[in-house]
C-alpha atoms as a PDB file:
ATOM      1  CA  MET A   1      42.661 150.796  24.197  1.00  0.00           C
ATOM      2  CA  ASP A   2      45.805 151.200  22.111  1.00  0.00           C
ATOM      3  CA  LEU A   3      48.189 153.446  24.052  1.00  0.00           C
ATOM      4  CA  LYS A   4      50.348 154.035  20.939  1.00  0.00           C
ATOM      5  CA  LEU A   5      53.380 152.595  22.701  1.00  0.00           C
ATOM      6  CA  LYS A   6      54.379 150.071  20.040  1.00  0.00           C
ATOM      7  CA  ASN A   7      58.120 150.264  19.348  1.00  0.00           C
ATOM      8  CA  LYS A   8      58.631 153.033  21.915  1.00  0.00           C
ATOM      9  CA  ARG A   9      61.963 152.654  23.689  1.00  0.00           C
ATOM     10  CA  ALA A  10      61.694 152.591  27.466  1.00  0.00           C
ATOM     11  CA  LEU A  11      64.108 152.400  30.387  1.00  0.00           C
ATOM     12  CA  VAL A  12      62.543 151.370  33.704  1.00  0.00           C
ATOM     13  CA  THR A  13      64.695 151.351  36.835  1.00  0.00           C
ATOM     14  CA  GLY A  14      64.096 149.427  40.033  1.00  0.00           C
ATOM     15  CA  ALA A  15      62.260 146.851  37.961  1.00  0.00           C
ATOM     16  CA  SER A  16      63.274 143.420  39.187  1.00  0.00           C
ATOM     17  CA  ARG A  17      60.055 143.382  41.225  1.00  0.00           C
ATOM     18  CA  GLY A  18      57.207 145.524  42.542  1.00  0.00           C
ATOM     19  CA  LEU A  19      56.063 148.723  40.861  1.00  0.00           C
ATOM     20  CA  GLY A  20      58.938 148.862  38.391  1.00  0.00           C
ATOM     21  CA  TYR A  21      58.416 145.288  37.240  1.00  0.00           C
ATOM     22  CA  ALA A  22      54.677 145.787  36.834  1.00  0.00           C
ATOM     23  CA  THR A  23      55.242 148.991  34.845  1.00  0.00           C
ATOM     24  CA  ALA A  24      57.770 147.319  32.563  1.00  0.00           C
ATOM     25  CA  ARG A  25      55.300 144.493  32.003  1.00  0.00           C
ATOM     26  CA  VAL A  26      52.465 146.788  30.902  1.00  0.00           C
ATOM     27  CA  LEU A  27      54.787 148.799  28.642  1.00  0.00           C
ATOM     28  CA  SER A  28      56.038 145.579  27.091  1.00  0.00           C
ATOM     29  CA  GLN A  29      52.488 144.265  26.648  1.00  0.00           C
ATOM     30  CA  GLU A  30      51.708 147.483  24.775  1.00  0.00           C
ATOM     31  CA  GLY A  31      54.567 146.803  22.374  1.00  0.00           C
ATOM     32  CA  ALA A  32      57.327 148.987  23.842  1.00  0.00           C
ATOM     33  CA  VAL A  33      60.888 147.689  23.770  1.00  0.00           C
ATOM     34  CA  VAL A  34      62.115 147.876  27.344  1.00  0.00           C
ATOM     35  CA  MET A  35      65.327 147.778  29.340  1.00  0.00           C
ATOM     36  CA  ILE A  36      64.977 147.107  33.062  1.00  0.00           C
ATOM     37  CA  ASN A  37      67.428 147.761  35.848  1.00  0.00           C
ATOM     38  CA  GLY A  38      68.007 146.290  39.283  1.00  0.00           C
ATOM     39  CA  ARG A  39      70.886 145.799  41.692  1.00  0.00           C
ATOM     40  CA  ASP A  40      71.090 141.999  41.602  1.00  0.00           C
ATOM     41  CA  GLU A  41      72.416 140.745  38.265  1.00  0.00           C
ATOM     42  CA  SER A  42      70.918 137.255  38.363  1.00  0.00           C
ATOM     43  CA  ARG A  43      67.555 138.551  39.522  1.00  0.00           C
ATOM     44  CA  ILE A  44      67.275 141.308  36.918  1.00  0.00           C
ATOM     45  CA  LYS A  45      68.276 138.928  34.136  1.00  0.00           C
ATOM     46  CA  GLU A  46      65.628 136.452  35.253  1.00  0.00           C
ATOM     47  CA  SER A  47      63.028 139.237  35.440  1.00  0.00           C
ATOM     48  CA  ALA A  48      63.887 140.287  31.878  1.00  0.00           C
ATOM     49  CA  ARG A  49      63.554 136.700  30.635  1.00  0.00           C
ATOM     50  CA  ALA A  50      60.203 136.292  32.379  1.00  0.00           C
ATOM     51  CA  LEU A  51      58.854 139.563  30.980  1.00  0.00           C
ATOM     52  CA  SER A  52      59.983 138.794  27.446  1.00  0.00           C
ATOM     53  CA  LYS A  53      58.443 135.320  27.580  1.00  0.00           C
ATOM     54  CA  ASP A  54      55.223 136.699  29.058  1.00  0.00           C
ATOM     55  CA  THR A  55      54.751 139.578  26.613  1.00  0.00           C
ATOM     56  CA  GLY A  56      56.460 138.357  23.449  1.00  0.00           C
ATOM     57  CA  THR A  57      58.442 141.620  23.238  1.00  0.00           C
ATOM     58  CA  PRO A  58      62.221 141.956  23.734  1.00  0.00           C
ATOM     59  CA  VAL A  59      63.217 143.030  27.251  1.00  0.00           C
ATOM     60  CA  PHE A  60      66.833 143.882  28.051  1.00  0.00           C
ATOM     61  CA  SER A  61      68.485 144.169  31.464  1.00  0.00           C
ATOM     62  CA  PHE A  62      71.308 146.066  33.139  1.00  0.00           C
ATOM     63  CA  ALA A  63      72.479 145.385  36.684  1.00  0.00           C
ATOM     64  CA  GLY A  64      73.642 148.282  38.827  1.00  0.00           C
ATOM     65  CA  ASP A  65      72.985 150.102  42.098  1.00  0.00           C
ATOM     66  CA  LEU A  66      71.458 153.529  41.446  1.00  0.00           C
ATOM     67  CA  GLY A  67      72.923 154.733  44.722  1.00  0.00           C
ATOM     68  CA  ASP A  68      76.339 154.561  43.042  1.00  0.00           C
ATOM     69  CA  ALA A  69      76.891 157.904  41.305  1.00  0.00           C
ATOM     70  CA  SER A  70      78.598 156.235  38.333  1.00  0.00           C
ATOM     71  CA  VAL A  71      75.748 153.847  37.496  1.00  0.00           C
ATOM     72  CA  PRO A  72      72.995 156.086  36.020  1.00  0.00           C
ATOM     73  CA  GLU A  73      75.157 157.322  33.137  1.00  0.00           C
ATOM     74  CA  LYS A  74      76.331 153.789  32.354  1.00  0.00           C
ATOM     75  CA  LEU A  75      72.751 152.529  32.514  1.00  0.00           C
ATOM     76  CA  VAL A  76      71.393 155.181  30.156  1.00  0.00           C
ATOM     77  CA  SER A  77      74.262 154.580  27.733  1.00  0.00           C
ATOM     78  CA  ALA A  78      73.539 150.848  27.744  1.00  0.00           C
ATOM     79  CA  ALA A  79      69.828 151.472  27.194  1.00  0.00           C
ATOM     80  CA  GLN A  80      70.483 153.792  24.270  1.00  0.00           C
ATOM     81  CA  ALA A  81      72.793 151.241  22.664  1.00  0.00           C
ATOM     82  CA  ALA A  82      70.419 148.311  23.175  1.00  0.00           C
ATOM     83  CA  LEU A  83      67.212 150.125  22.254  1.00  0.00           C
ATOM     84  CA  GLY A  84      68.551 152.438  19.561  1.00  0.00           C
ATOM     85  CA  GLY A  85      67.383 155.540  21.388  1.00  0.00           C
ATOM     86  CA  LEU A  86      65.116 156.512  24.252  1.00  0.00           C
ATOM     87  CA  ASP A  87      61.520 157.726  24.366  1.00  0.00           C
ATOM     88  CA  ILE A  88      60.531 156.843  27.930  1.00  0.00           C
ATOM     89  CA  LEU A  89      62.323 157.006  31.262  1.00  0.00           C
ATOM     90  CA  VAL A  90      60.816 155.673  34.485  1.00  0.00           C
ATOM     91  CA  CYS A  91      62.810 156.742  37.555  1.00  0.00           C
ATOM     92  CA  ASN A  92      62.030 154.254  40.291  1.00  0.00           C
ATOM     93  CA  ALA A  93      64.147 153.087  43.210  1.00  0.00           C
ATOM     94  CA  GLY A  94      63.694 151.381  46.522  1.00  0.00           C
ATOM     95  CA  GLY A  95      62.725 153.659  49.383  1.00  0.00           C
ATOM     96  CA  PRO A  96      64.863 154.526  52.409  1.00  0.00           C
ATOM     97  CA  PRO A  97      64.465 152.677  55.719  1.00  0.00           C
ATOM     98  CA  PRO A  98      61.762 153.487  58.264  1.00  0.00           C
ATOM     99  CA  GLY A  99      62.575 155.289  61.478  1.00  0.00           C
ATOM    100  CA  LEU A 100      62.237 158.501  63.456  1.00  0.00           C
ATOM    101  CA  PHE A 101      64.331 161.636  62.892  1.00  0.00           C
ATOM    102  CA  GLU A 102      66.838 161.110  65.714  1.00  0.00           C
ATOM    103  CA  ALA A 103      67.541 157.538  64.659  1.00  0.00           C
ATOM    104  CA  PHE A 104      69.479 158.579  61.543  1.00  0.00           C
ATOM    105  CA  ASP A 105      72.987 159.941  61.227  1.00  0.00           C
ATOM    106  CA  GLU A 106      74.140 162.111  58.329  1.00  0.00           C
ATOM    107  CA  ALA A 107      75.584 159.138  56.448  1.00  0.00           C
ATOM    108  CA  THR A 108      72.149 157.512  56.391  1.00  0.00           C
ATOM    109  CA  TRP A 109      70.586 160.728  55.097  1.00  0.00           C
ATOM    110  CA  GLN A 110      73.221 160.907  52.360  1.00  0.00           C
ATOM    111  CA  LYS A 111      72.630 157.309  51.325  1.00  0.00           C
ATOM    112  CA  ALA A 112      68.882 157.942  51.172  1.00  0.00           C
ATOM    113  CA  LEU A 113      69.466 161.062  49.066  1.00  0.00           C
ATOM    114  CA  ASP A 114      71.707 159.138  46.666  1.00  0.00           C
ATOM    115  CA  ILE A 115      69.235 156.332  46.034  1.00  0.00           C
ATOM    116  CA  SER A 116      65.906 158.161  46.236  1.00  0.00           C
ATOM    117  CA  PHE A 117      66.710 161.638  44.878  1.00  0.00           C
ATOM    118  CA  LEU A 118      70.119 162.074  43.264  1.00  0.00           C
ATOM    119  CA  SER A 119      69.600 158.896  41.235  1.00  0.00           C
ATOM    120  CA  ASN A 120      66.707 160.709  39.540  1.00  0.00           C
ATOM    121  CA  VAL A 121      68.863 163.779  38.882  1.00  0.00           C
ATOM    122  CA  ARG A 122      71.640 161.659  37.399  1.00  0.00           C
ATOM    123  CA  LEU A 123      69.331 159.485  35.293  1.00  0.00           C
ATOM    124  CA  ILE A 124      67.471 162.438  33.815  1.00  0.00           C
ATOM    125  CA  LYS A 125      70.665 164.374  33.098  1.00  0.00           C
ATOM    126  CA  ALA A 126      72.169 161.376  31.298  1.00  0.00           C
ATOM    127  CA  ALA A 127      68.960 160.672  29.372  1.00  0.00           C
ATOM    128  CA  LEU A 128      68.225 164.204  28.146  1.00  0.00           C
ATOM    129  CA  PRO A 129      70.415 164.085  25.012  1.00  0.00           C
ATOM    130  CA  PHE A 130      68.513 161.011  23.829  1.00  0.00           C
ATOM    131  CA  LEU A 131      65.074 162.170  24.946  1.00  0.00           C
ATOM    132  CA  ARG A 132      65.600 165.358  22.933  1.00  0.00           C
ATOM    133  CA  LYS A 133      65.766 163.227  19.787  1.00  0.00           C
ATOM    134  CA  SER A 134      62.383 161.597  20.500  1.00  0.00           C
ATOM    135  CA  ASN A 135      59.078 162.910  19.181  1.00  0.00           C
ATOM    136  CA  SER A 136      57.235 161.578  22.237  1.00  0.00           C
ATOM    137  CA  ALA A 137      59.664 161.935  25.145  1.00  0.00           C
ATOM    138  CA  SER A 138      58.185 161.236  28.562  1.00  0.00           C
ATOM    139  CA  VAL A 139      59.692 160.900  32.041  1.00  0.00           C
ATOM    140  CA  LEU A 140      57.919 159.480  35.072  1.00  0.00           C
ATOM    141  CA  THR A 141      59.239 159.723  38.616  1.00  0.00           C
ATOM    142  CA  VAL A 142      57.850 157.368  41.249  1.00  0.00           C
ATOM    143  CA  THR A 143      57.424 159.090  44.587  1.00  0.00           C
ATOM    144  CA  SER A 144      54.842 158.577  47.348  1.00  0.00           C
ATOM    145  CA  TYR A 145      51.670 160.076  48.727  1.00  0.00           C
ATOM    146  CA  SER A 146      53.744 160.691  51.843  1.00  0.00           C
ATOM    147  CA  ALA A 147      55.050 163.826  50.098  1.00  0.00           C
ATOM    148  CA  LYS A 148      51.569 165.290  50.584  1.00  0.00           C
ATOM    149  CA  GLN A 149      50.538 163.467  53.742  1.00  0.00           C
ATOM    150  CA  PRO A 150      53.620 162.474  55.769  1.00  0.00           C
ATOM    151  CA  ILE A 151      53.609 158.987  57.208  1.00  0.00           C
ATOM    152  CA  THR A 152      54.684 158.334  60.787  1.00  0.00           C
ATOM    153  CA  ASN A 153      58.099 156.685  61.124  1.00  0.00           C
ATOM    154  CA  LEU A 154      59.079 157.469  57.505  1.00  0.00           C
ATOM    155  CA  VAL A 155      60.873 160.803  57.903  1.00  0.00           C
ATOM    156  CA  LEU A 156      63.498 159.971  55.259  1.00  0.00           C
ATOM    157  CA  SER A 157      60.921 159.076  52.631  1.00  0.00           C
ATOM    158  CA  ASN A 158      58.591 161.939  53.567  1.00  0.00           C
ATOM    159  CA  SER A 159      61.394 164.439  53.049  1.00  0.00           C
ATOM    160  CA  ILE A 160      63.192 163.055  50.013  1.00  0.00           C
ATOM    161  CA  ARG A 161      60.102 162.155  47.986  1.00  0.00           C
ATOM    162  CA  ALA A 162      59.016 165.779  48.297  1.00  0.00           C
ATOM    163  CA  ALA A 163      62.327 166.841  46.769  1.00  0.00           C
ATOM    164  CA  THR A 164      61.723 164.597  43.756  1.00  0.00           C
ATOM    165  CA  ILE A 165      58.288 166.130  43.272  1.00  0.00           C
ATOM    166  CA  GLY A 166      59.895 169.572  43.250  1.00  0.00           C
ATOM    167  CA  LEU A 167      62.417 168.360  40.674  1.00  0.00           C
ATOM    168  CA  THR A 168      59.735 166.826  38.475  1.00  0.00           C
ATOM    169  CA  LYS A 169      57.544 169.909  38.451  1.00  0.00           C
ATOM    170  CA  SER A 170      60.524 172.183  37.791  1.00  0.00           C
ATOM    171  CA  LEU A 171      61.648 170.095  34.818  1.00  0.00           C
ATOM    172  CA  ALA A 172      58.118 170.010  33.395  1.00  0.00           C
ATOM    173  CA  LEU A 173      58.187 173.816  33.361  1.00  0.00           C
ATOM    174  CA  GLU A 174      61.758 174.091  32.143  1.00  0.00           C
ATOM    175  CA  LEU A 175      61.727 171.495  29.361  1.00  0.00           C
ATOM    176  CA  GLY A 176      58.131 171.555  28.176  1.00  0.00           C
ATOM    177  CA  LYS A 177      59.135 173.853  25.323  1.00  0.00           C
ATOM    178  CA  GLU A 178      61.323 171.010  24.024  1.00  0.00           C
ATOM    179  CA  GLY A 179      58.406 168.590  24.036  1.00  0.00           C
ATOM    180  CA  ILE A 180      59.653 166.500  26.955  1.00  0.00           C
ATOM    181  CA  ARG A 181      56.938 165.679  29.488  1.00  0.00           C
ATOM    182  CA  PHE A 182      57.617 165.116  33.195  1.00  0.00           C
ATOM    183  CA  ASN A 183      55.055 163.614  35.574  1.00  0.00           C
ATOM    184  CA  SER A 184      55.096 161.822  38.902  1.00  0.00           C
ATOM    185  CA  ILE A 185      52.914 159.158  40.459  1.00  0.00           C
ATOM    186  CA  LEU A 186      52.412 159.290  44.227  1.00  0.00           C
ATOM    187  CA  PRO A 187      51.418 155.741  45.154  1.00  0.00           C
ATOM    188  CA  ALA A 188      49.910 154.902  48.499  1.00  0.00           C
ATOM    189  CA  TRP A 189      50.202 151.483  50.099  1.00  0.00           C
ATOM    190  CA  THR A 190      50.584 148.838  47.400  1.00  0.00           C
ATOM    191  CA  GLU A 191      51.087 145.088  47.638  1.00  0.00           C
ATOM    192  CA  THR A 192      54.863 144.978  47.153  1.00  0.00           C
ATOM    193  CA  GLU A 193      57.767 143.401  49.004  1.00  0.00           C
ATOM    194  CA  ARG A 194      58.812 146.812  50.346  1.00  0.00           C
ATOM    195  CA  VAL A 195      55.380 147.407  51.829  1.00  0.00           C
ATOM    196  CA  THR A 196      55.428 143.955  53.399  1.00  0.00           C
ATOM    197  CA  SER A 197      58.773 144.865  54.966  1.00  0.00           C
ATOM    198  CA  LEU A 198      57.401 148.175  56.286  1.00  0.00           C
ATOM    199  CA  MET A 199      54.300 146.488  57.678  1.00  0.00           C
ATOM    200  CA  THR A 200      56.477 143.838  59.329  1.00  0.00           C
ATOM    201  CA  ALA A 201      58.532 146.570  61.044  1.00  0.00           C
ATOM    202  CA  ARG A 202      55.315 148.268  62.155  1.00  0.00           C
ATOM    203  CA  ALA A 203      53.980 145.003  63.567  1.00  0.00           C
ATOM    204  CA  GLN A 204      57.172 144.466  65.556  1.00  0.00           C
ATOM    205  CA  ALA A 205      57.008 148.012  66.923  1.00  0.00           C
ATOM    206  CA  ASN A 206      53.333 147.687  67.864  1.00  0.00           C
ATOM    207  CA  GLY A 207      53.492 144.122  69.159  1.00  0.00           C
ATOM    208  CA  THR A 208      50.913 142.946  66.602  1.00  0.00           C
ATOM    209  CA  THR A 209      51.064 140.801  63.475  1.00  0.00           C
ATOM    210  CA  LEU A 210      51.697 141.506  59.813  1.00  0.00           C
ATOM    211  CA  ASP A 211      48.093 140.661  58.906  1.00  0.00           C
ATOM    212  CA  ILE A 212      46.719 143.042  61.532  1.00  0.00           C
ATOM    213  CA  GLU A 213      48.889 145.933  60.331  1.00  0.00           C
ATOM    214  CA  ILE A 214      48.001 145.326  56.677  1.00  0.00           C
ATOM    215  CA  ALA A 215      44.301 145.266  57.567  1.00  0.00           C
ATOM    216  CA  ARG A 216      44.609 148.502  59.575  1.00  0.00           C
ATOM    217  CA  GLN A 217      46.384 150.265  56.748  1.00  0.00           C
ATOM    218  CA  ALA A 218      43.977 148.983  54.099  1.00  0.00           C
ATOM    219  CA  ALA A 219      41.070 150.309  56.139  1.00  0.00           C
ATOM    220  CA  GLU A 220      42.340 153.876  55.597  1.00  0.00           C
ATOM    221  CA  SER A 221      41.270 153.633  51.958  1.00  0.00           C
ATOM    222  CA  PRO A 222      37.573 154.111  51.111  1.00  0.00           C
ATOM    223  CA  LEU A 223      38.060 151.051  48.906  1.00  0.00           C
ATOM    224  CA  GLY A 224      39.106 149.025  51.949  1.00  0.00           C
ATOM    225  CA  ARG A 225      42.243 147.563  50.444  1.00  0.00           C
ATOM    226  CA  MET A 226      45.737 148.282  49.213  1.00  0.00           C
ATOM    227  CA  ALA A 227      46.520 148.700  45.521  1.00  0.00           C
ATOM    228  CA  THR A 228      47.993 146.007  43.347  1.00  0.00           C
ATOM    229  CA  PRO A 229      51.178 146.764  41.382  1.00  0.00           C
ATOM    230  CA  GLU A 230      49.170 146.287  38.184  1.00  0.00           C
ATOM    231  CA  GLU A 231      46.817 149.118  39.152  1.00  0.00           C
ATOM    232  CA  PHE A 232      49.791 151.413  39.537  1.00  0.00           C
ATOM    233  CA  ALA A 233      51.341 150.211  36.280  1.00  0.00           C
ATOM    234  CA  ASN A 234      48.197 150.830  34.230  1.00  0.00           C
ATOM    235  CA  VAL A 235      48.200 154.477  35.294  1.00  0.00           C
ATOM    236  CA  ALA A 236      51.941 154.761  34.678  1.00  0.00           C
ATOM    237  CA  ALA A 237      51.649 153.389  31.144  1.00  0.00           C
ATOM    238  CA  PHE A 238      48.915 155.875  30.293  1.00  0.00           C
ATOM    239  CA  LEU A 239      50.864 158.864  31.658  1.00  0.00           C
ATOM    240  CA  LEU A 240      53.913 157.773  29.671  1.00  0.00           C
ATOM    241  CA  SER A 241      51.985 157.174  26.468  1.00  0.00           C
ATOM    242  CA  PRO A 242      51.322 159.552  23.552  1.00  0.00           C
ATOM    243  CA  LEU A 243      47.646 159.485  24.570  1.00  0.00           C
ATOM    244  CA  ALA A 244      48.630 161.656  27.551  1.00  0.00           C
ATOM    245  CA  SER A 245      50.454 164.136  25.306  1.00  0.00           C
ATOM    246  CA  TYR A 246      48.967 167.220  27.028  1.00  0.00           C
ATOM    247  CA  LEU A 247      49.730 166.035  30.558  1.00  0.00           C
ATOM    248  CA  THR A 248      52.925 167.364  32.096  1.00  0.00           C
ATOM    249  CA  GLY A 249      53.790 168.555  35.587  1.00  0.00           C
ATOM    250  CA  VAL A 250      51.117 166.259  36.992  1.00  0.00           C
ATOM    251  CA  MET A 251      51.656 164.863  40.491  1.00  0.00           C
ATOM    252  CA  LEU A 252      49.081 162.073  40.475  1.00  0.00           C
ATOM    253  CA  PRO A 253      48.182 160.137  43.624  1.00  0.00           C
ATOM    254  CA  VAL A 254      47.312 156.504  42.961  1.00  0.00           C
ATOM    255  CA  ASP A 255      46.145 156.074  46.509  1.00  0.00           C
ATOM    256  CA  GLY A 256      42.672 154.540  46.663  1.00  0.00           C
ATOM    257  CA  GLY A 257      41.460 157.685  48.409  1.00  0.00           C
ATOM    258  CA  MET A 258      43.943 157.508  51.285  1.00  0.00           C
ATOM    259  CA  LEU A 259      44.865 161.176  50.856  1.00  0.00           C
ATOM    260  CA  LYS A 260      42.315 163.065  52.895  1.00  0.00           C
ATOM    261  CA  GLY A 261      42.945 166.576  51.512  1.00  0.00           C
ATOM    262  CA  THR A 262      40.966 168.155  48.685  1.00  0.00           C
ATOM    263  CA  PHE A 263      44.018 169.308  46.701  1.00  0.00           C
END
């Protein structure tokens, strides 16, 4: 299926690996011209080279930590200059650390807010002038199914992801009249380095092994496994594409059935 993404200009953050990388890859395969962002300069440059070689489409890179309040505006400006405009924005960042409520001081909460919530606010605010010039503007936030079904030992993520969902829905209502779509994907457990790290911490806490914890978590899905990053990315590319032109304000779990509620 042609997603009508050829020559669309896309900025994907948190894309040196995991969900962001997979999303950038599918967008690039569909013919979009992409800029990716990550904190480590050498790693993000190598990821851009690998994507461009793999897909045959130019992929640009910009290194910067989204937790730094000055970075989102610089990143969007660089993307606009490199791509000649902006049609697509994917707001993705690494999640906050695991732990229980009393384990975290206010500085840790603030850091988590900066990277997992305020980065989205800053990116979207910086991107709006360019998105307004697009005839197919689309923004995707990457959150978590934990916003609907909180996960034990992830109080920071449970709380802050919910705030991003509120932001996304509010902007869909506020800016729909300008033709800018806002959606969010709520992934469940997916085979990424972050999930491996979380499962490793769980294994240490439970006195088990990484393999045992992965198997236990996978068993919570009716499909009996975790998702692959590519499965997430395929859904992301569709939501971002002109084929999804009447979808906005959607909070879509890509969870393999792990959410047990009916709504």
